[in-house]
């Protein structure tokens, strides 16, 4: 699935990524891990459009930033 970018004509507020694109962007994250996170209710927010799963790039970036830690003893 190609990345869908926002345009005024389409009226989309987000740039969307497929699970394949997300997995390619995040080290150690696979399509399978994303699927497990969706099943468990963990991981980044996503949308299901029919049978197609997409992630909003800005929400993915927010999720990654929210996982920032300064030490291993911090509560998760």
PDB file of N, CA and C in Angstrom:
ATOM      1  N   UNK A   1       0.848  -1.170   0.000  1.00  0.00           N
ATOM      2  CA  UNK A   1       0.000   0.000   0.000  1.00  0.00           C
ATOM      3  C   UNK A   1       0.893   1.232   0.000  1.00  0.00           C
ATOM      4  N   UNK A   2       0.639   2.130  -0.845  1.00  0.00           N
ATOM      5  CA  UNK A   2       1.432   3.350  -0.930  1.00  0.00           C
ATOM      6  C   UNK A   2       0.988   4.317   0.152  1.00  0.00           C
ATOM      7  N   UNK A   3       1.896   5.172   0.559  1.00  0.00           N
ATOM      8  CA  UNK A   3       1.582   6.190   1.544  1.00  0.00           C
ATOM      9  C   UNK A   3       0.582   7.162   0.948  1.00  0.00           C
ATOM     10  N   UNK A   4      -0.482   7.437   1.695  1.00  0.00           N
ATOM     11  CA  UNK A   4      -1.476   8.407   1.272  1.00  0.00           C
ATOM     12  C   UNK A   4      -1.179   9.700   1.989  1.00  0.00           C
ATOM     13  N   UNK A   5      -0.946  10.750   1.250  1.00  0.00           N
ATOM     14  CA  UNK A   5      -0.637  12.021   1.881  1.00  0.00           C
ATOM     15  C   UNK A   5      -1.875  12.897   1.905  1.00  0.00           C
ATOM     16  N   UNK A   6      -1.868  13.850   2.837  1.00  0.00           N
ATOM     17  CA  UNK A   6      -3.033  14.721   2.924  1.00  0.00           C
ATOM     18  C   UNK A   6      -3.006  15.754   1.803  1.00  0.00           C
ATOM     19  N   UNK A   7      -4.167  16.081   1.318  1.00  0.00           N
ATOM     20  CA  UNK A   7      -4.315  17.122   0.311  1.00  0.00           C
ATOM     21  C   UNK A   7      -5.583  17.879   0.621  1.00  0.00           C
ATOM     22  N   UNK A   8      -5.637  19.124   0.238  1.00  0.00           N
ATOM     23  CA  UNK A   8      -6.835  19.921   0.461  1.00  0.00           C
ATOM     24  C   UNK A   8      -8.004  19.332  -0.322  1.00  0.00           C
ATOM     25  N   UNK A   9      -7.720  18.808  -1.490  1.00  0.00           N
ATOM     26  CA  UNK A   9      -8.770  18.253  -2.345  1.00  0.00           C
ATOM     27  C   UNK A   9      -9.403  17.036  -1.685  1.00  0.00           C
ATOM     28  N   UNK A  10      -8.597  16.165  -1.100  1.00  0.00           N
ATOM     29  CA  UNK A  10      -9.119  14.964  -0.469  1.00  0.00           C
ATOM     30  C   UNK A  10      -9.691  15.262   0.910  1.00  0.00           C
ATOM     31  N   UNK A  11      -9.262  16.349   1.529  1.00  0.00           N
ATOM     32  CA  UNK A  11      -9.767  16.723   2.827  1.00  0.00           C
ATOM     33  C   UNK A  11      -9.230  15.879   3.974  1.00  0.00           C
ATOM     34  N   UNK A  12      -8.137  15.161   3.782  1.00  0.00           N
ATOM     35  CA  UNK A  12      -7.568  14.326   4.834  1.00  0.00           C
ATOM     36  C   UNK A  12      -6.689  15.166   5.749  1.00  0.00           C
ATOM     37  N   UNK A  13      -6.792  14.901   7.037  1.00  0.00           N
ATOM     38  CA  UNK A  13      -6.009  15.653   8.007  1.00  0.00           C
ATOM     39  C   UNK A  13      -4.704  14.966   8.367  1.00  0.00           C
ATOM     40  N   UNK A  14      -4.501  13.728   7.911  1.00  0.00           N
ATOM     41  CA  UNK A  14      -3.327  12.947   8.281  1.00  0.00           C
ATOM     42  C   UNK A  14      -2.645  12.363   7.054  1.00  0.00           C
ATOM     43  N   UNK A  15      -1.386  12.002   7.239  1.00  0.00           N
ATOM     44  CA  UNK A  15      -0.672  11.150   6.296  1.00  0.00           C
ATOM     45  C   UNK A  15      -0.748   9.749   6.868  1.00  0.00           C
ATOM     46  N   UNK A  16      -1.197   8.781   6.072  1.00  0.00           N
ATOM     47  CA  UNK A  16      -1.399   7.424   6.557  1.00  0.00           C
ATOM     48  C   UNK A  16      -0.326   6.477   6.038  1.00  0.00           C
ATOM     49  N   UNK A  17       0.038   5.527   6.908  1.00  0.00           N
ATOM     50  CA  UNK A  17       1.031   4.514   6.578  1.00  0.00           C
ATOM     51  C   UNK A  17       0.429   3.133   6.744  1.00  0.00           C
ATOM     52  N   UNK A  18       0.862   2.214   5.914  1.00  0.00           N
ATOM     53  CA  UNK A  18       0.454   0.819   6.032  1.00  0.00           C
ATOM     54  C   UNK A  18       1.279   0.157   7.143  1.00  0.00           C
ATOM     55  N   UNK A  19       0.844  -0.999   7.648  1.00  0.00           N
ATOM     56  CA  UNK A  19       1.661  -1.720   8.631  1.00  0.00           C
ATOM     57  C   UNK A  19       3.064  -2.043   8.097  1.00  0.00           C
ATOM     58  N   UNK A  20       3.184  -2.340   6.819  1.00  0.00           N
ATOM     59  CA  UNK A  20       4.494  -2.606   6.214  1.00  0.00           C
ATOM     60  C   UNK A  20       5.396  -1.389   6.318  1.00  0.00           C
ATOM     61  N   UNK A  21       4.836  -0.217   6.054  1.00  0.00           N
ATOM     62  CA  UNK A  21       5.622   1.015   6.120  1.00  0.00           C
ATOM     63  C   UNK A  21       6.023   1.343   7.563  1.00  0.00           C
ATOM     64  N   UNK A  22       5.116   1.106   8.498  1.00  0.00           N
ATOM     65  CA  UNK A  22       5.428   1.347   9.908  1.00  0.00           C
ATOM     66  C   UNK A  22       6.545   0.405  10.356  1.00  0.00           C
ATOM     67  N   UNK A  23       6.430  -0.881  10.006  1.00  0.00           N
ATOM     68  CA  UNK A  23       7.450  -1.857  10.381  1.00  0.00           C
ATOM     69  C   UNK A  23       8.813  -1.499   9.793  1.00  0.00           C
ATOM     70  N   UNK A  24       8.827  -0.961   8.584  1.00  0.00           N
ATOM     71  CA  UNK A  24      10.091  -0.568   7.956  1.00  0.00           C
ATOM     72  C   UNK A  24      10.704   0.650   8.644  1.00  0.00           C
ATOM     73  N   UNK A  25       9.878   1.482   9.270  1.00  0.00           N
ATOM     74  CA  UNK A  25      10.359   2.707   9.914  1.00  0.00           C
ATOM     75  C   UNK A  25      10.895   2.476  11.321  1.00  0.00           C
ATOM     76  N   UNK A  26      10.325   1.502  12.041  1.00  0.00           N
ATOM     77  CA  UNK A  26      10.651   1.319  13.450  1.00  0.00           C
ATOM     78  C   UNK A  26      11.527   0.094  13.650  1.00  0.00           C
ATOM     79  N   UNK A  27      12.747   0.271  14.129  1.00  0.00           N
ATOM     80  CA  UNK A  27      13.643  -0.868  14.353  1.00  0.00           C
ATOM     81  C   UNK A  27      13.035  -1.867  15.332  1.00  0.00           C
ATOM     82  N   UNK A  28      13.115  -3.139  14.998  1.00  0.00           N
ATOM     83  CA  UNK A  28      12.629  -4.193  15.876  1.00  0.00           C
ATOM     84  C   UNK A  28      11.138  -4.430  15.844  1.00  0.00           C
ATOM     85  N   UNK A  29      10.419  -3.657  15.060  1.00  0.00           N
ATOM     86  CA  UNK A  29       8.963  -3.818  14.963  1.00  0.00           C
ATOM     87  C   UNK A  29       8.642  -4.502  13.638  1.00  0.00           C
ATOM     88  N   UNK A  30       7.875  -5.577  13.724  1.00  0.00           N
ATOM     89  CA  UNK A  30       7.469  -6.319  12.531  1.00  0.00           C
ATOM     90  C   UNK A  30       5.973  -6.145  12.314  1.00  0.00           C
ATOM     91  N   UNK A  31       5.507  -6.559  11.142  1.00  0.00           N
ATOM     92  CA  UNK A  31       4.069  -6.550  10.874  1.00  0.00           C
ATOM     93  C   UNK A  31       3.356  -7.431  11.890  1.00  0.00           C
ATOM     94  N   UNK A  32       3.973  -8.556  12.244  1.00  0.00           N
ATOM     95  CA  UNK A  32       3.384  -9.467  13.221  1.00  0.00           C
ATOM     96  C   UNK A  32       3.259  -8.839  14.596  1.00  0.00           C
ATOM     97  N   UNK A  33       4.289  -8.079  14.995  1.00  0.00           N
ATOM     98  CA  UNK A  33       4.245  -7.407  16.298  1.00  0.00           C
ATOM     99  C   UNK A  33       3.151  -6.345  16.296  1.00  0.00           C
ATOM    100  N   UNK A  34       3.014  -5.610  15.205  1.00  0.00           N
ATOM    101  CA  UNK A  34       1.938  -4.620  15.107  1.00  0.00           C
ATOM    102  C   UNK A  34       0.574  -5.299  15.222  1.00  0.00           C
ATOM    103  N   UNK A  35       0.421  -6.450  14.560  1.00  0.00           N
ATOM    104  CA  UNK A  35      -0.838  -7.191  14.631  1.00  0.00           C
ATOM    105  C   UNK A  35      -1.121  -7.653  16.055  1.00  0.00           C
ATOM    106  N   UNK A  36      -0.097  -8.116  16.763  1.00  0.00           N
ATOM    107  CA  UNK A  36      -0.272  -8.557  18.150  1.00  0.00           C
ATOM    108  C   UNK A  36      -0.645  -7.380  19.037  1.00  0.00           C
ATOM    109  N   UNK A  37       0.008  -6.243  18.836  1.00  0.00           N
ATOM    110  CA  UNK A  37      -0.335  -5.054  19.617  1.00  0.00           C
ATOM    111  C   UNK A  37      -1.785  -4.648  19.372  1.00  0.00           C
ATOM    112  N   UNK A  38      -2.246  -4.716  18.111  1.00  0.00           N
ATOM    113  CA  UNK A  38      -3.646  -4.381  17.828  1.00  0.00           C
ATOM    114  C   UNK A  38      -4.569  -5.335  18.573  1.00  0.00           C
ATOM    115  N   UNK A  39      -4.255  -6.616  18.558  1.00  0.00           N
ATOM    116  CA  UNK A  39      -5.063  -7.631  19.232  1.00  0.00           C
ATOM    117  C   UNK A  39      -5.099  -7.394  20.746  1.00  0.00           C
ATOM    118  N   UNK A  40      -3.967  -7.023  21.322  1.00  0.00           N
ATOM    119  CA  UNK A  40      -3.850  -6.800  22.763  1.00  0.00           C
ATOM    120  C   UNK A  40      -4.302  -5.403  23.197  1.00  0.00           C
ATOM    121  N   UNK A  41      -4.601  -4.534  22.240  1.00  0.00           N
ATOM    122  CA  UNK A  41      -4.995  -3.166  22.577  1.00  0.00           C
ATOM    123  C   UNK A  41      -3.828  -2.304  22.995  1.00  0.00           C
ATOM    124  N   UNK A  42      -2.621  -2.645  22.535  1.00  0.00           N
ATOM    125  CA  UNK A  42      -1.400  -1.895  22.839  1.00  0.00           C
ATOM    126  C   UNK A  42      -0.913  -1.216  21.560  1.00  0.00           C
ATOM    127  N   UNK A  43       0.214  -0.560  21.678  1.00  0.00           N
ATOM    128  CA  UNK A  43       0.852   0.004  20.491  1.00  0.00           C
ATOM    129  C   UNK A  43       0.208   1.285  20.016  1.00  0.00           C
ATOM    130  N   UNK A  44       0.624   1.736  18.844  1.00  0.00           N
ATOM    131  CA  UNK A  44       0.111   3.004  18.315  1.00  0.00           C
ATOM    132  C   UNK A  44      -1.340   2.882  17.870  1.00  0.00           C
ATOM    133  N   UNK A  45      -2.040   3.996  17.883  1.00  0.00           N
ATOM    134  CA  UNK A  45      -3.422   4.033  17.389  1.00  0.00           C
ATOM    135  C   UNK A  45      -3.431   3.705  15.896  1.00  0.00           C
ATOM    136  N   UNK A  46      -4.509   3.107  15.455  1.00  0.00           N
ATOM    137  CA  UNK A  46      -4.648   2.750  14.044  1.00  0.00           C
ATOM    138  C   UNK A  46      -6.098   2.914  13.634  1.00  0.00           C
ATOM    139  N   UNK A  47      -6.315   2.835  12.346  1.00  0.00           N
ATOM    140  CA  UNK A  47      -7.664   2.871  11.797  1.00  0.00           C
ATOM    141  C   UNK A  47      -7.863   1.651  10.914  1.00  0.00           C
ATOM    142  N   UNK A  48      -9.072   1.141  10.912  1.00  0.00           N
ATOM    143  CA  UNK A  48      -9.401   0.005  10.058  1.00  0.00           C
ATOM    144  C   UNK A  48     -10.450   0.475   9.066  1.00  0.00           C
ATOM    145  N   UNK A  49     -10.049   0.519   7.815  1.00  0.00           N
ATOM    146  CA  UNK A  49     -10.920   0.965   6.732  1.00  0.00           C
ATOM    147  C   UNK A  49     -11.311  -0.271   5.924  1.00  0.00           C
ATOM    148  N   UNK A  50     -12.443  -0.849   6.249  1.00  0.00           N
ATOM    149  CA  UNK A  50     -12.783  -2.138   5.657  1.00  0.00           C
ATOM    150  C   UNK A  50     -11.832  -3.171   6.223  1.00  0.00           C
ATOM    151  N   UNK A  51     -11.038  -3.784   5.349  1.00  0.00           N
ATOM    152  CA  UNK A  51     -10.034  -4.761   5.784  1.00  0.00           C
ATOM    153  C   UNK A  51      -8.628  -4.163   5.814  1.00  0.00           C
ATOM    154  N   UNK A  52      -8.527  -2.878   5.545  1.00  0.00           N
ATOM    155  CA  UNK A  52      -7.228  -2.219   5.465  1.00  0.00           C
ATOM    156  C   UNK A  52      -6.898  -1.503   6.764  1.00  0.00           C
ATOM    157  N   UNK A  53      -5.716  -1.770   7.283  1.00  0.00           N
ATOM    158  CA  UNK A  53      -5.221  -1.118   8.501  1.00  0.00           C
ATOM    159  C   UNK A  53      -4.285   0.013   8.096  1.00  0.00           C
ATOM    160  N   UNK A  54      -4.468   1.190   8.696  1.00  0.00           N
ATOM    161  CA  UNK A  54      -3.566   2.317   8.451  1.00  0.00           C
ATOM    162  C   UNK A  54      -3.248   3.010   9.768  1.00  0.00           C
ATOM    163  N   UNK A  55      -2.073   3.620   9.805  1.00  0.00           N
ATOM    164  CA  UNK A  55      -1.602   4.380  10.954  1.00  0.00           C
ATOM    165  C   UNK A  55      -1.374   5.819  10.510  1.00  0.00           C
ATOM    166  N   UNK A  56      -1.825   6.783  11.322  1.00  0.00           N
ATOM    167  CA  UNK A  56      -1.573   8.196  11.038  1.00  0.00           C
ATOM    168  C   UNK A  56      -0.142   8.515  11.463  1.00  0.00           C
ATOM    169  N   UNK A  57       0.634   9.082  10.558  1.00  0.00           N
ATOM    170  CA  UNK A  57       2.045   9.356  10.817  1.00  0.00           C
ATOM    171  C   UNK A  57       2.235  10.234  12.041  1.00  0.00           C
ATOM    172  N   UNK A  58       1.459  11.301  12.188  1.00  0.00           N
ATOM    173  CA  UNK A  58       1.642  12.192  13.342  1.00  0.00           C
ATOM    174  C   UNK A  58       1.321  11.479  14.652  1.00  0.00           C
ATOM    175  N   UNK A  59       0.332  10.606  14.665  1.00  0.00           N
ATOM    176  CA  UNK A  59       0.002   9.852  15.879  1.00  0.00           C
ATOM    177  C   UNK A  59       1.075   8.809  16.173  1.00  0.00           C
ATOM    178  N   UNK A  60       1.663   8.223  15.140  1.00  0.00           N
ATOM    179  CA  UNK A  60       2.755   7.278  15.315  1.00  0.00           C
ATOM    180  C   UNK A  60       3.963   7.981  15.942  1.00  0.00           C
ATOM    181  N   UNK A  61       4.281   9.179  15.437  1.00  0.00           N
ATOM    182  CA  UNK A  61       5.392   9.950  15.995  1.00  0.00           C
ATOM    183  C   UNK A  61       5.124  10.306  17.458  1.00  0.00           C
ATOM    184  N   UNK A  62       3.883  10.680  17.788  1.00  0.00           N
ATOM    185  CA  UNK A  62       3.532  10.992  19.178  1.00  0.00           C
ATOM    186  C   UNK A  62       3.701   9.761  20.064  1.00  0.00           C
ATOM    187  N   UNK A  63       3.292   8.598  19.584  1.00  0.00           N
ATOM    188  CA  UNK A  63       3.404   7.355  20.343  1.00  0.00           C
ATOM    189  C   UNK A  63       4.873   7.014  20.609  1.00  0.00           C
ATOM    190  N   UNK A  64       5.717   7.182  19.596  1.00  0.00           N
ATOM    191  CA  UNK A  64       7.146   6.917  19.768  1.00  0.00           C
ATOM    192  C   UNK A  64       7.727   7.885  20.797  1.00  0.00           C
ATOM    193  N   UNK A  65       7.399   9.152  20.701  1.00  0.00           N
ATOM    194  CA  UNK A  65       7.914  10.148  21.647  1.00  0.00           C
ATOM    195  C   UNK A  65       7.432   9.861  23.065  1.00  0.00           C
ATOM    196  N   UNK A  66       6.217   9.375  23.224  1.00  0.00           N
ATOM    197  CA  UNK A  66       5.668   9.073  24.546  1.00  0.00           C
ATOM    198  C   UNK A  66       6.381   7.885  25.197  1.00  0.00           C
ATOM    199  N   UNK A  67       7.087   7.096  24.409  1.00  0.00           N
ATOM    200  CA  UNK A  67       7.792   5.922  24.958  1.00  0.00           C
ATOM    201  C   UNK A  67       9.215   6.248  25.381  1.00  0.00           C
ATOM    202  N   UNK A  68       9.604   7.521  25.328  1.00  0.00           N
ATOM    203  CA  UNK A  68      10.954   7.931  25.713  1.00  0.00           C
ATOM    204  C   UNK A  68      11.186   7.667  27.193  1.00  0.00           C
ATOM    205  N   UNK A  69      12.324   7.064  27.498  1.00  0.00           N
ATOM    206  CA  UNK A  69      12.722   6.745  28.878  1.00  0.00           C
ATOM    207  C   UNK A  69      14.134   7.266  29.119  1.00  0.00           C
ATOM    208  N   UNK A  70      14.443   7.562  30.391  1.00  0.00           N
ATOM    209  CA  UNK A  70      15.791   7.990  30.727  1.00  0.00           C
ATOM    210  C   UNK A  70      16.560   6.918  31.481  1.00  0.00           C
ATOM    211  N   UNK A  71      15.874   5.873  31.908  1.00  0.00           N
ATOM    212  CA  UNK A  71      16.552   4.780  32.613  1.00  0.00           C
ATOM    213  C   UNK A  71      15.697   3.525  32.616  1.00  0.00           C
ATOM    214  N   UNK A  72      16.321   2.398  32.872  1.00  0.00           N
ATOM    215  CA  UNK A  72      15.611   1.123  32.845  1.00  0.00           C
ATOM    216  C   UNK A  72      14.731   0.915  34.065  1.00  0.00           C
ATOM    217  N   UNK A  73      14.914   1.708  35.117  1.00  0.00           N
ATOM    218  CA  UNK A  73      14.122   1.521  36.330  1.00  0.00           C
ATOM    219  C   UNK A  73      12.787   2.275  36.287  1.00  0.00           C
ATOM    220  N   UNK A  74      12.549   3.051  35.213  1.00  0.00           N
ATOM    221  CA  UNK A  74      11.298   3.795  35.110  1.00  0.00           C
ATOM    222  C   UNK A  74      10.121   2.853  34.894  1.00  0.00           C
ATOM    223  N   UNK A  75       8.988   3.190  35.500  1.00  0.00           N
ATOM    224  CA  UNK A  75       7.769   2.409  35.278  1.00  0.00           C
ATOM    225  C   UNK A  75       7.295   2.600  33.846  1.00  0.00           C
ATOM    226  N   UNK A  76       6.774   1.530  33.286  1.00  0.00           N
ATOM    227  CA  UNK A  76       6.296   1.593  31.902  1.00  0.00           C
ATOM    228  C   UNK A  76       4.818   1.807  31.883  1.00  0.00           C
TER     229      UNK A  76
END
